[in-house]
Structures are given as structure tokens and as C-alpha cells.
Amino acid sequence: MKLINSKQQFVLSAIVVAVSLGGCASPSSEWDFGNSVRTMVASQKYVPPGQEPPAIPTMDGARAAGAVERNRTAAPAPQRIYEGMGGAEL
């Protein structure tokens, strides 16, 4: 006497596979990636109110292009070595 026929066995195995794969697909883990590290770093820093560091100055594209062009065209400054500097003796 057979307890489960082939159709019921197929349905049961399909349910087991679906439940197994459902445990692997967790969309919430992708959204929270790195939050634990950011939270830990933020908790280790204390900045009193009103004493936040100033913004870091940035360079725009025109200023960077000008600096690169000056480095390409201008003659380099002469190197000077002083006595006792880096072990160089004159």
C-alpha cells in the first residue's frame, strides 16, 4: 500500500523547494549593507554641538586644469639641499 502517490510527492517536493529558496531571498539584507559599520563609527565620534569641523575645501575643474597646465609649462624650481638635511653634506 502506497501512502503518497507521485502527484502528491511532486507537490510536496515543490513546496519544500519553494520554502527553502524563500529563506535565501532576503531583500532587506541588501538595503542594510554597511549600516552596522557606519553606526559603529558614528558612535565612536563625539563632536560637541557647534564645534563641527569646517568643510573641506574643494577644487573645481577650471582651477585643476590651470594647475596641471602650469605644471606642464613652467620650469621647475631649483632644488636646494642644505647641510644636515637628509644626510646630504656639502
PDB file of N, CA and C in Angstrom:
ATOM      1  N   MET A   1       0.825  -1.167   0.000  1.00  0.00           N
ATOM      2  CA  MET A   1       0.000   0.000   0.000  1.00  0.00           C
ATOM      3  C   MET A   1       0.877   1.241   0.000  1.00  0.00           C
ATOM      4  N   LYS A   2       0.637   2.108  -0.930  1.00  0.00           N
ATOM      5  CA  LYS A   2       1.411   3.314  -1.098  1.00  0.00           C
ATOM      6  C   LYS A   2       0.743   4.453  -0.339  1.00  0.00           C
ATOM      7  N   LEU A   3       1.493   5.157   0.534  1.00  0.00           N
ATOM      8  CA  LEU A   3       0.924   6.238   1.335  1.00  0.00           C
ATOM      9  C   LEU A   3       0.786   7.539   0.536  1.00  0.00           C
ATOM     10  N   ILE A   4       1.767   7.847  -0.303  1.00  0.00           N
ATOM     11  CA  ILE A   4       1.756   9.086  -1.099  1.00  0.00           C
ATOM     12  C   ILE A   4       1.905   8.711  -2.564  1.00  0.00           C
ATOM     13  N   ASN A   5       1.004   9.210  -3.394  1.00  0.00           N
ATOM     14  CA  ASN A   5       1.152   8.924  -4.821  1.00  0.00           C
ATOM     15  C   ASN A   5       2.124   9.933  -5.426  1.00  0.00           C
ATOM     16  N   SER A   6       2.472   9.743  -6.676  1.00  0.00           N
ATOM     17  CA  SER A   6       3.501  10.546  -7.324  1.00  0.00           C
ATOM     18  C   SER A   6       3.081  12.015  -7.454  1.00  0.00           C
ATOM     19  N   LYS A   7       1.813  12.288  -7.659  1.00  0.00           N
ATOM     20  CA  LYS A   7       1.342  13.671  -7.772  1.00  0.00           C
ATOM     21  C   LYS A   7       1.508  14.397  -6.438  1.00  0.00           C
ATOM     22  N   GLN A   8       1.157  13.759  -5.363  1.00  0.00           N
ATOM     23  CA  GLN A   8       1.299  14.362  -4.039  1.00  0.00           C
ATOM     24  C   GLN A   8       2.775  14.526  -3.664  1.00  0.00           C
ATOM     25  N   GLN A   9       3.581  13.587  -4.088  1.00  0.00           N
ATOM     26  CA  GLN A   9       5.009  13.669  -3.813  1.00  0.00           C
ATOM     27  C   GLN A   9       5.624  14.849  -4.561  1.00  0.00           C
ATOM     28  N   PHE A  10       5.196  15.076  -5.797  1.00  0.00           N
ATOM     29  CA  PHE A  10       5.690  16.202  -6.580  1.00  0.00           C
ATOM     30  C   PHE A  10       5.292  17.525  -5.936  1.00  0.00           C
ATOM     31  N   VAL A  11       4.040  17.641  -5.524  1.00  0.00           N
ATOM     32  CA  VAL A  11       3.565  18.874  -4.894  1.00  0.00           C
ATOM     33  C   VAL A  11       4.317  19.119  -3.590  1.00  0.00           C
ATOM     34  N   LEU A  12       4.511  18.090  -2.813  1.00  0.00           N
ATOM     35  CA  LEU A  12       5.216  18.222  -1.546  1.00  0.00           C
ATOM     36  C   LEU A  12       6.672  18.650  -1.769  1.00  0.00           C
ATOM     37  N   SER A  13       7.332  18.072  -2.745  1.00  0.00           N
ATOM     38  CA  SER A  13       8.726  18.447  -3.020  1.00  0.00           C
ATOM     39  C   SER A  13       8.809  19.870  -3.567  1.00  0.00           C
ATOM     40  N   ALA A  14       7.799  20.288  -4.361  1.00  0.00           N
ATOM     41  CA  ALA A  14       7.785  21.664  -4.863  1.00  0.00           C
ATOM     42  C   ALA A  14       7.624  22.653  -3.717  1.00  0.00           C
ATOM     43  N   ILE A  15       6.805  22.325  -2.728  1.00  0.00           N
ATOM     44  CA  ILE A  15       6.621  23.195  -1.566  1.00  0.00           C
ATOM     45  C   ILE A  15       7.910  23.279  -0.755  1.00  0.00           C
ATOM     46  N   VAL A  16       8.574  22.159  -0.579  1.00  0.00           N
ATOM     47  CA  VAL A  16       9.829  22.150   0.180  1.00  0.00           C
ATOM     48  C   VAL A  16      10.878  23.004  -0.527  1.00  0.00           C
ATOM     49  N   VAL A  17      10.975  22.881  -1.849  1.00  0.00           N
ATOM     50  CA  VAL A  17      11.940  23.677  -2.610  1.00  0.00           C
ATOM     51  C   VAL A  17      11.597  25.169  -2.516  1.00  0.00           C
ATOM     52  N   ALA A  18      10.319  25.518  -2.643  1.00  0.00           N
ATOM     53  CA  ALA A  18       9.908  26.917  -2.576  1.00  0.00           C
ATOM     54  C   ALA A  18      10.218  27.525  -1.217  1.00  0.00           C
ATOM     55  N   VAL A  19       9.952  26.787  -0.155  1.00  0.00           N
ATOM     56  CA  VAL A  19      10.238  27.291   1.194  1.00  0.00           C
ATOM     57  C   VAL A  19      11.746  27.431   1.397  1.00  0.00           C
ATOM     58  N   SER A  20      12.506  26.476   0.893  1.00  0.00           N
ATOM     59  CA  SER A  20      13.963  26.531   1.037  1.00  0.00           C
ATOM     60  C   SER A  20      14.546  27.732   0.303  1.00  0.00           C
ATOM     61  N   LEU A  21      14.099  27.968  -0.907  1.00  0.00           N
ATOM     62  CA  LEU A  21      14.596  29.108  -1.670  1.00  0.00           C
ATOM     63  C   LEU A  21      14.081  30.430  -1.108  1.00  0.00           C
ATOM     64  N   GLY A  22      12.924  30.416  -0.513  1.00  0.00           N
ATOM     65  CA  GLY A  22      12.386  31.633   0.097  1.00  0.00           C
ATOM     66  C   GLY A  22      13.244  32.125   1.246  1.00  0.00           C
ATOM     67  N   GLY A  23      13.880  31.236   1.948  1.00  0.00           N
ATOM     68  CA  GLY A  23      14.768  31.633   3.035  1.00  0.00           C
ATOM     69  C   GLY A  23      16.042  32.266   2.541  1.00  0.00           C
ATOM     70  N   CYS A  24      16.446  31.969   1.319  1.00  0.00           N
ATOM     71  CA  CYS A  24      17.669  32.557   0.762  1.00  0.00           C
ATOM     72  C   CYS A  24      17.429  33.958   0.222  1.00  0.00           C
ATOM     73  N   ALA A  25      16.246  34.228  -0.233  1.00  0.00           N
ATOM     74  CA  ALA A  25      15.956  35.522  -0.847  1.00  0.00           C
ATOM     75  C   ALA A  25      15.515  36.498   0.231  1.00  0.00           C
ATOM     76  N   SER A  26      16.441  37.327   0.687  1.00  0.00           N
ATOM     77  CA  SER A  26      16.139  38.309   1.715  1.00  0.00           C
ATOM     78  C   SER A  26      16.497  39.690   1.185  1.00  0.00           C
ATOM     79  N   PRO A  27      15.549  40.439   0.652  1.00  0.00           N
ATOM     80  CA  PRO A  27      15.872  41.749   0.076  1.00  0.00           C
ATOM     81  C   PRO A  27      16.309  42.764   1.117  1.00  0.00           C
ATOM     82  N   SER A  28      15.952  42.565   2.374  1.00  0.00           N
ATOM     83  CA  SER A  28      16.317  43.547   3.384  1.00  0.00           C
ATOM     84  C   SER A  28      17.819  43.573   3.659  1.00  0.00           C
ATOM     85  N   SER A  29      18.523  42.462   3.442  1.00  0.00           N
ATOM     86  CA  SER A  29      19.954  42.447   3.716  1.00  0.00           C
ATOM     87  C   SER A  29      20.718  43.329   2.735  1.00  0.00           C
ATOM     88  N   GLU A  30      20.239  43.484   1.527  1.00  0.00           N
ATOM     89  CA  GLU A  30      20.915  44.335   0.561  1.00  0.00           C
ATOM     90  C   GLU A  30      20.737  45.807   0.896  1.00  0.00           C
ATOM     91  N   TRP A  31      19.596  46.166   1.463  1.00  0.00           N
ATOM     92  CA  TRP A  31      19.341  47.575   1.775  1.00  0.00           C
ATOM     93  C   TRP A  31      20.160  48.032   2.973  1.00  0.00           C
ATOM     94  N   ASP A  32      20.470  47.128   3.891  1.00  0.00           N
ATOM     95  CA  ASP A  32      21.167  47.488   5.117  1.00  0.00           C
ATOM     96  C   ASP A  32      22.662  47.217   5.055  1.00  0.00           C
ATOM     97  N   PHE A  33      23.197  46.937   3.885  1.00  0.00           N
ATOM     98  CA  PHE A  33      24.603  46.566   3.769  1.00  0.00           C
ATOM     99  C   PHE A  33      25.490  47.725   4.220  1.00  0.00           C
ATOM    100  N   GLY A  34      26.325  47.508   5.209  1.00  0.00           N
ATOM    101  CA  GLY A  34      27.264  48.514   5.694  1.00  0.00           C
ATOM    102  C   GLY A  34      26.724  49.396   6.802  1.00  0.00           C
ATOM    103  N   ASN A  35      25.448  49.282   7.132  1.00  0.00           N
ATOM    104  CA  ASN A  35      24.887  50.141   8.180  1.00  0.00           C
ATOM    105  C   ASN A  35      25.507  49.860   9.538  1.00  0.00           C
ATOM    106  N   SER A  36      25.858  48.625   9.824  1.00  0.00           N
ATOM    107  CA  SER A  36      26.432  48.317  11.131  1.00  0.00           C
ATOM    108  C   SER A  36      27.786  49.001  11.305  1.00  0.00           C
ATOM    109  N   VAL A  37      28.589  49.029  10.245  1.00  0.00           N
ATOM    110  CA  VAL A  37      29.896  49.688  10.333  1.00  0.00           C
ATOM    111  C   VAL A  37      29.717  51.194  10.478  1.00  0.00           C
ATOM    112  N   ARG A  38      28.808  51.788   9.685  1.00  0.00           N
ATOM    113  CA  ARG A  38      28.577  53.231   9.790  1.00  0.00           C
ATOM    114  C   ARG A  38      28.057  53.614  11.167  1.00  0.00           C
ATOM    115  N   THR A  39      27.192  52.804  11.744  1.00  0.00           N
ATOM    116  CA  THR A  39      26.665  53.084  13.077  1.00  0.00           C
ATOM    117  C   THR A  39      27.766  52.985  14.121  1.00  0.00           C
ATOM    118  N   MET A  40      28.632  51.990  14.008  1.00  0.00           N
ATOM    119  CA  MET A  40      29.711  51.823  14.962  1.00  0.00           C
ATOM    120  C   MET A  40      30.687  53.005  14.898  1.00  0.00           C
ATOM    121  N   VAL A  41      31.061  53.432  13.699  1.00  0.00           N
ATOM    122  CA  VAL A  41      31.983  54.555  13.548  1.00  0.00           C
ATOM    123  C   VAL A  41      31.343  55.838  14.072  1.00  0.00           C
ATOM    124  N   ALA A  42      30.080  56.046  13.779  1.00  0.00           N
ATOM    125  CA  ALA A  42      29.397  57.248  14.252  1.00  0.00           C
ATOM    126  C   ALA A  42      29.296  57.259  15.774  1.00  0.00           C
ATOM    127  N   SER A  43      29.148  56.108  16.400  1.00  0.00           N
ATOM    128  CA  SER A  43      29.036  56.069  17.853  1.00  0.00           C
ATOM    129  C   SER A  43      30.381  56.307  18.535  1.00  0.00           C
ATOM    130  N   GLN A  44      31.486  56.147  17.828  1.00  0.00           N
ATOM    131  CA  GLN A  44      32.798  56.366  18.417  1.00  0.00           C
ATOM    132  C   GLN A  44      33.251  57.812  18.314  1.00  0.00           C
ATOM    133  N   LYS A  45      32.577  58.613  17.533  1.00  0.00           N
ATOM    134  CA  LYS A  45      32.934  60.014  17.357  1.00  0.00           C
ATOM    135  C   LYS A  45      32.003  60.875  18.195  1.00  0.00           C
ATOM    136  N   TYR A  46      32.568  61.826  18.897  1.00  0.00           N
ATOM    137  CA  TYR A  46      31.735  62.774  19.618  1.00  0.00           C
ATOM    138  C   TYR A  46      32.176  64.168  19.229  1.00  0.00           C
ATOM    139  N   VAL A  47      31.282  64.919  18.669  1.00  0.00           N
ATOM    140  CA  VAL A  47      31.531  66.303  18.308  1.00  0.00           C
ATOM    141  C   VAL A  47      30.520  67.142  19.067  1.00  0.00           C
ATOM    142  N   PRO A  48      31.003  67.979  19.988  1.00  0.00           N
ATOM    143  CA  PRO A  48      30.066  68.815  20.737  1.00  0.00           C
ATOM    144  C   PRO A  48      29.279  69.710  19.780  1.00  0.00           C
ATOM    145  N   PRO A  49      28.049  70.003  20.123  1.00  0.00           N
ATOM    146  CA  PRO A  49      27.240  70.854  19.246  1.00  0.00           C
ATOM    147  C   PRO A  49      27.898  72.217  19.035  1.00  0.00           C
ATOM    148  N   GLY A  50      27.928  72.659  17.795  1.00  0.00           N
ATOM    149  CA  GLY A  50      28.522  73.939  17.447  1.00  0.00           C
ATOM    150  C   GLY A  50      30.006  73.870  17.166  1.00  0.00           C
ATOM    151  N   GLN A  51      30.628  72.692  17.295  1.00  0.00           N
ATOM    152  CA  GLN A  51      32.058  72.561  17.060  1.00  0.00           C
ATOM    153  C   GLN A  51      32.362  71.606  15.918  1.00  0.00           C
ATOM    154  N   GLU A  52      31.467  71.516  14.975  1.00  0.00           N
ATOM    155  CA  GLU A  52      31.698  70.650  13.841  1.00  0.00           C
ATOM    156  C   GLU A  52      32.896  71.170  13.043  1.00  0.00           C
ATOM    157  N   PRO A  53      33.687  70.278  12.468  1.00  0.00           N
ATOM    158  CA  PRO A  53      34.848  70.732  11.698  1.00  0.00           C
ATOM    159  C   PRO A  53      34.399  71.497  10.456  1.00  0.00           C
ATOM    160  N   PRO A  54      35.232  72.425   9.995  1.00  0.00           N
ATOM    161  CA  PRO A  54      34.855  73.173   8.792  1.00  0.00           C
ATOM    162  C   PRO A  54      34.843  72.270   7.565  1.00  0.00           C
ATOM    163  N   ALA A  55      34.133  72.705   6.569  1.00  0.00           N
ATOM    164  CA  ALA A  55      34.056  71.920   5.331  1.00  0.00           C
ATOM    165  C   ALA A  55      35.426  71.870   4.667  1.00  0.00           C
ATOM    166  N   ILE A  56      35.724  70.762   4.051  1.00  0.00           N
ATOM    167  CA  ILE A  56      36.992  70.600   3.352  1.00  0.00           C
ATOM    168  C   ILE A  56      36.927  71.390   2.050  1.00  0.00           C
ATOM    169  N   PRO A  57      37.937  72.239   1.794  1.00  0.00           N
ATOM    170  CA  PRO A  57      37.898  72.998   0.536  1.00  0.00           C
ATOM    171  C   PRO A  57      38.046  72.063  -0.664  1.00  0.00           C
ATOM    172  N   THR A  58      37.320  72.344  -1.689  1.00  0.00           N
ATOM    173  CA  THR A  58      37.370  71.524  -2.895  1.00  0.00           C
ATOM    174  C   THR A  58      37.915  72.346  -4.047  1.00  0.00           C
ATOM    175  N   MET A  59      38.275  71.675  -5.107  1.00  0.00           N
ATOM    176  CA  MET A  59      38.825  72.340  -6.277  1.00  0.00           C
ATOM    177  C   MET A  59      37.893  72.091  -7.454  1.00  0.00           C
ATOM    178  N   ASP A  60      37.548  73.158  -8.154  1.00  0.00           N
ATOM    179  CA  ASP A  60      36.686  72.997  -9.326  1.00  0.00           C
ATOM    180  C   ASP A  60      37.536  72.605 -10.529  1.00  0.00           C
ATOM    181  N   GLY A  61      36.886  72.258 -11.609  1.00  0.00           N
ATOM    182  CA  GLY A  61      37.574  71.751 -12.794  1.00  0.00           C
ATOM    183  C   GLY A  61      38.496  72.765 -13.451  1.00  0.00           C
ATOM    184  N   ALA A  62      38.071  74.029 -13.525  1.00  0.00           N
ATOM    185  CA  ALA A  62      38.888  75.060 -14.180  1.00  0.00           C
ATOM    186  C   ALA A  62      40.173  75.295 -13.389  1.00  0.00           C
ATOM    187  N   ARG A  63      40.061  75.334 -12.076  1.00  0.00           N
ATOM    188  CA  ARG A  63      41.248  75.554 -11.255  1.00  0.00           C
ATOM    189  C   ARG A  63      42.215  74.371 -11.359  1.00  0.00           C
ATOM    190  N   ALA A  64      41.690  73.149 -11.402  1.00  0.00           N
ATOM    191  CA  ALA A  64      42.539  71.966 -11.546  1.00  0.00           C
ATOM    192  C   ALA A  64      43.232  71.953 -12.906  1.00  0.00           C
ATOM    193  N   ALA A  65      42.500  72.315 -13.955  1.00  0.00           N
ATOM    194  CA  ALA A  65      43.106  72.353 -15.291  1.00  0.00           C
ATOM    195  C   ALA A  65      44.210  73.392 -15.354  1.00  0.00           C
ATOM    196  N   GLY A  66      44.012  74.529 -14.708  1.00  0.00           N
ATOM    197  CA  GLY A  66      45.050  75.562 -14.674  1.00  0.00           C
ATOM    198  C   GLY A  66      46.294  75.087 -13.953  1.00  0.00           C
ATOM    199  N   ALA A  67      46.124  74.374 -12.850  1.00  0.00           N
ATOM    200  CA  ALA A  67      47.271  73.859 -12.097  1.00  0.00           C
ATOM    201  C   ALA A  67      48.048  72.831 -12.915  1.00  0.00           C
ATOM    202  N   VAL A  68      47.344  71.970 -13.625  1.00  0.00           N
ATOM    203  CA  VAL A  68      48.014  70.972 -14.466  1.00  0.00           C
ATOM    204  C   VAL A  68      48.778  71.663 -15.594  1.00  0.00           C
ATOM    205  N   GLU A  69      48.174  72.662 -16.192  1.00  0.00           N
ATOM    206  CA  GLU A  69      48.835  73.375 -17.295  1.00  0.00           C
ATOM    207  C   GLU A  69      50.072  74.125 -16.799  1.00  0.00           C
ATOM    208  N   ARG A  70      50.010  74.736 -15.611  1.00  0.00           N
ATOM    209  CA  ARG A  70      51.194  75.413 -15.052  1.00  0.00           C
ATOM    210  C   ARG A  70      52.302  74.411 -14.780  1.00  0.00           C
ATOM    211  N   ASN A  71      51.954  73.226 -14.312  1.00  0.00           N
ATOM    212  CA  ASN A  71      52.980  72.217 -14.060  1.00  0.00           C
ATOM    213  C   ASN A  71      53.621  71.726 -15.346  1.00  0.00           C
ATOM    214  N   ARG A  72      52.874  71.717 -16.428  1.00  0.00           N
ATOM    215  CA  ARG A  72      53.422  71.258 -17.712  1.00  0.00           C
ATOM    216  C   ARG A  72      54.322  72.300 -18.353  1.00  0.00           C
ATOM    217  N   THR A  73      53.973  73.579 -18.225  1.00  0.00           N
ATOM    218  CA  THR A  73      54.681  74.615 -18.968  1.00  0.00           C
ATOM    219  C   THR A  73      55.749  75.327 -18.154  1.00  0.00           C
ATOM    220  N   ALA A  74      55.580  75.511 -16.866  1.00  0.00           N
ATOM    221  CA  ALA A  74      56.529  76.271 -16.059  1.00  0.00           C
ATOM    222  C   ALA A  74      57.772  75.436 -15.780  1.00  0.00           C
ATOM    223  N   ALA A  75      58.918  76.158 -15.724  1.00  0.00           N
ATOM    224  CA  ALA A  75      60.168  75.480 -15.390  1.00  0.00           C
ATOM    225  C   ALA A  75      60.137  75.124 -13.912  1.00  0.00           C
ATOM    226  N   PRO A  76      60.660  73.966 -13.542  1.00  0.00           N
ATOM    227  CA  PRO A  76      60.642  73.595 -12.128  1.00  0.00           C
ATOM    228  C   PRO A  76      61.578  74.480 -11.309  1.00  0.00           C
ATOM    229  N   ALA A  77      61.247  74.700 -10.073  1.00  0.00           N
ATOM    230  CA  ALA A  77      62.094  75.486  -9.181  1.00  0.00           C
ATOM    231  C   ALA A  77      63.352  74.689  -8.875  1.00  0.00           C
ATOM    232  N   PRO A  78      64.477  75.392  -8.728  1.00  0.00           N
ATOM    233  CA  PRO A  78      65.717  74.654  -8.430  1.00  0.00           C
ATOM    234  C   PRO A  78      65.636  74.004  -7.055  1.00  0.00           C
ATOM    235  N   GLN A  79      66.177  72.815  -6.983  1.00  0.00           N
ATOM    236  CA  GLN A  79      66.182  72.084  -5.721  1.00  0.00           C
ATOM    237  C   GLN A  79      67.336  72.580  -4.864  1.00  0.00           C
ATOM    238  N   ARG A  80      67.070  72.784  -3.614  1.00  0.00           N
ATOM    239  CA  ARG A  80      68.116  73.241  -2.704  1.00  0.00           C
ATOM    240  C   ARG A  80      68.329  72.172  -1.640  1.00  0.00           C
ATOM    241  N   ILE A  81      69.559  71.867  -1.392  1.00  0.00           N
ATOM    242  CA  ILE A  81      69.910  70.910  -0.358  1.00  0.00           C
ATOM    243  C   ILE A  81      70.739  71.654   0.673  1.00  0.00           C
ATOM    244  N   TYR A  82      70.297  71.617   1.888  1.00  0.00           N
ATOM    245  CA  TYR A  82      71.011  72.297   2.963  1.00  0.00           C
ATOM    246  C   TYR A  82      71.834  71.303   3.743  1.00  0.00           C
ATOM    247  N   GLU A  83      72.860  71.821   4.391  1.00  0.00           N
ATOM    248  CA  GLU A  83      73.748  70.983   5.172  1.00  0.00           C
ATOM    249  C   GLU A  83      72.965  70.334   6.310  1.00  0.00           C
ATOM    250  N   GLY A  84      73.116  69.043   6.469  1.00  0.00           N
ATOM    251  CA  GLY A  84      72.436  68.313   7.516  1.00  0.00           C
ATOM    252  C   GLY A  84      71.017  67.916   7.167  1.00  0.00           C
ATOM    253  N   MET A  85      70.577  68.238   5.984  1.00  0.00           N
ATOM    254  CA  MET A  85      69.211  67.911   5.585  1.00  0.00           C
ATOM    255  C   MET A  85      69.207  66.561   4.866  1.00  0.00           C
ATOM    256  N   GLY A  86      68.667  65.561   5.474  1.00  0.00           N
ATOM    257  CA  GLY A  86      68.579  64.247   4.858  1.00  0.00           C
ATOM    258  C   GLY A  86      69.913  63.569   4.705  1.00  0.00           C
ATOM    259  N   GLY A  87      70.906  63.979   5.470  1.00  0.00           N
ATOM    260  CA  GLY A  87      72.203  63.339   5.414  1.00  0.00           C
ATOM    261  C   GLY A  87      73.082  63.848   4.280  1.00  0.00           C
ATOM    262  N   ALA A  88      72.611  64.855   3.536  1.00  0.00           N
ATOM    263  CA  ALA A  88      73.411  65.387   2.433  1.00  0.00           C
ATOM    264  C   ALA A  88      74.387  66.425   2.993  1.00  0.00           C
ATOM    265  N   GLU A  89      75.612  66.229   2.782  1.00  0.00           N
ATOM    266  CA  GLU A  89      76.650  67.156   3.259  1.00  0.00           C
ATOM    267  C   GLU A  89      77.268  67.873   2.069  1.00  0.00           C
ATOM    268  N   LEU A  90      77.450  69.188   2.200  1.00  0.00           N
ATOM    269  CA  LEU A  90      78.059  69.982   1.118  1.00  0.00           C
ATOM    270  C   LEU A  90      79.500  70.243   1.387  1.00  0.00           C
TER     271      LEU A  90
END
